[in-house]
Protein backbone atom coordinates (compact mmCIF):
# COMPACT_ATOMS: atom_id res chain seq x y z
CA MET A 1 -9.78 -3.37 -12.50
CA LYS A 2 -7.13 -2.29 -10.01
CA ARG A 3 -4.28 -0.19 -11.41
CA ARG A 4 -0.74 -1.10 -10.62
CA LYS A 5 0.82 0.77 -7.74
CA ILE A 6 3.26 3.47 -8.81
CA THR A 7 6.52 3.23 -6.93
CA HIS A 8 7.87 6.18 -4.97
CA ASP A 9 10.96 6.37 -7.17
CA ASP A 10 8.93 6.40 -10.40
CA GLY A 11 6.52 8.98 -9.01
CA VAL A 12 9.23 11.32 -7.73
CA ALA A 13 11.26 11.04 -10.95
CA ALA A 14 8.18 11.99 -12.98
CA ILE A 15 7.39 14.90 -10.64
CA ILE A 16 10.91 16.25 -11.11
CA ARG A 17 10.62 15.98 -14.89
CA VAL A 18 7.25 17.74 -14.95
CA VAL A 19 8.03 20.61 -12.58
CA SER A 20 11.43 21.28 -14.11
CA ALA A 21 10.05 21.65 -17.66
CA GLN A 22 10.43 25.15 -19.07
CA ASN A 23 6.87 25.21 -20.44
CA VAL A 24 3.84 22.95 -20.50
CA ASP A 25 4.36 22.03 -24.16
CA ASP A 26 7.69 20.40 -23.22
CA ILE A 27 6.06 17.96 -20.80
CA ASP A 28 5.43 14.38 -21.91
CA GLU A 29 1.73 13.51 -21.56
CA GLN A 30 2.64 10.16 -20.01
CA ASP A 31 4.61 11.97 -17.29
CA ILE A 32 1.59 14.16 -16.50
CA GLN A 33 -0.58 11.07 -16.24
CA LEU A 34 1.97 9.27 -14.06
CA VAL A 35 2.37 12.22 -11.71
CA CYS A 36 -1.39 12.74 -11.38
CA ARG A 37 -2.00 9.08 -10.63
CA TYR A 38 0.95 8.89 -8.21
CA LEU A 39 -0.22 11.94 -6.26
CA LEU A 40 -3.79 10.61 -6.12
CA GLN A 41 -2.44 7.28 -4.91
CA GLU A 42 -0.45 9.00 -2.15
CA LEU A 43 -3.45 11.12 -1.11
CA GLU A 44 -5.61 8.00 -0.92
CA ILE A 45 -3.06 6.42 1.44
CA SER A 46 -2.57 9.45 3.69
CA ALA A 47 -6.24 10.52 3.80
CA GLU A 48 -7.88 7.14 4.13
CA GLY A 49 -11.65 7.14 3.88
CA ALA A 50 -14.42 7.65 1.37
CA SER A 51 -16.30 10.85 2.15
CA VAL A 52 -14.65 13.08 -0.49
CA GLU A 53 -14.01 12.23 -4.12
CA VAL A 54 -10.98 13.90 -5.71
CA ARG A 55 -11.15 13.94 -9.51
CA ILE A 56 -8.35 14.81 -11.92
CA PRO A 57 -9.87 14.22 -15.34
CA PRO A 58 -8.96 12.40 -17.47
CA TYR A 59 -6.35 10.66 -15.31
CA GLY A 60 -8.15 9.42 -12.26
CA ALA A 61 -10.32 9.83 -9.22
CA ILE A 62 -10.09 8.56 -5.67
CA GLN A 63 -12.18 8.64 -2.56
CA CYS A 64 -10.54 9.82 0.63
CA ILE A 65 -11.09 11.48 4.02
CA GLN A 66 -12.80 9.79 6.96
CA GLY A 67 -16.53 10.34 7.23
CA SER A 68 -19.67 8.96 5.71
CA ASN A 69 -18.85 6.56 2.90
CA HIS A 70 -20.22 7.23 -0.55
CA ARG A 71 -21.39 4.27 -2.61
CA ARG A 72 -23.44 5.28 -5.70
CA GLY A 73 -24.01 8.25 -7.98
CA THR A 74 -22.40 11.64 -7.56
CA PRO A 75 -20.79 11.94 -4.14
CA PRO A 76 -21.85 14.87 -1.94
CA ASN A 77 -18.24 16.05 -1.44
CA VAL A 78 -16.23 16.49 -4.64
CA VAL A 79 -12.96 18.19 -5.53
CA GLU A 80 -12.07 18.46 -9.21
CA MET A 81 -9.27 20.28 -11.00
CA PRO A 82 -7.17 20.15 -14.17
CA PRO A 83 -4.02 18.01 -14.10
CA MET A 84 -1.45 20.82 -13.96
CA VAL A 85 -3.35 22.59 -11.17
CA TRP A 86 -3.42 19.30 -9.24
CA ILE A 87 0.31 18.85 -9.67
CA LYS A 88 0.97 22.40 -8.44
CA VAL A 89 -1.38 22.01 -5.45
CA ALA A 90 -0.07 18.56 -4.51
CA THR A 91 3.57 19.71 -4.65
CA GLY A 92 2.94 22.93 -2.74
CA GLN A 93 3.55 25.34 -5.61
CA ILE A 94 0.11 26.87 -5.11
CA ASP A 95 -2.30 26.85 -2.18
CA PHE A 96 -5.43 24.72 -2.49
CA LEU A 97 -7.76 27.03 -0.55
CA ASP A 98 -6.51 30.16 -2.34
CA HIS A 99 -7.22 28.60 -5.74
CA ILE A 100 -10.79 27.54 -4.98
CA SER A 101 -11.89 31.15 -5.36
CA SER A 102 -9.93 31.51 -8.63
CA GLY A 103 -12.12 28.94 -10.35
CA ASP A 104 -9.20 26.60 -11.06
CA ILE A 105 -10.52 24.17 -8.48
CA TYR A 106 -14.12 23.00 -8.25
CA GLY A 107 -15.39 21.90 -4.86
CA SER A 108 -18.78 20.91 -3.52
CA GLY A 109 -20.17 19.61 -0.27
CA GLU A 110 -19.40 20.54 3.28
CA HIS A 111 -16.22 18.44 3.60
CA PHE A 112 -14.39 19.06 0.31
CA ALA A 113 -12.10 21.70 1.86
CA SER A 114 -10.79 19.12 4.34
CA VAL A 115 -8.54 17.88 1.51
CA ALA A 116 -6.39 20.93 2.29
CA ASN A 117 -5.33 19.24 5.55
CA PHE A 118 -3.42 16.64 3.52
CA LEU A 119 -1.68 19.02 1.10
CA PRO A 120 0.95 19.31 -0.14
CA ILE A 121 1.46 15.59 -0.66
CA VAL A 122 5.02 15.74 -1.98
CA PRO A 123 6.36 19.21 -1.16
CA LEU A 124 8.63 20.49 -3.91
CA CYS A 125 11.10 21.69 -1.28
CA SER A 126 11.60 18.06 -0.19
CA LEU A 127 12.63 17.14 -3.75
CA LYS A 128 15.28 19.85 -4.05
CA SER A 129 17.70 17.78 -1.98
CA LEU A 130 17.47 14.84 -4.41
């Protein structure tokens, strides 16, 4: 079942609400879900392909990056991280490659690091003018 597309305005508004919260406990769970899904959606568009699977449990997973397509089972190239780490990486608050070594981001396969070429997706600095 295909999920509905999240509009740019809805996605950006949710990003602003999430990143401007004083602490994680103040963030609405639905906003976290919306932001995660919106950022995955935008990555899927900008990094078209199916050689790397990006997983943000429990909110979603996409396949992206040109290369050999994956069809069944566990893909050879996987990136997985918690929702708040994903939001920080995708908005440029933290660096993807720096956080792989911290253990916050799991990556496998020879192409998983190529996701870094498409990050940040929605730089926080671009939202400051809104």
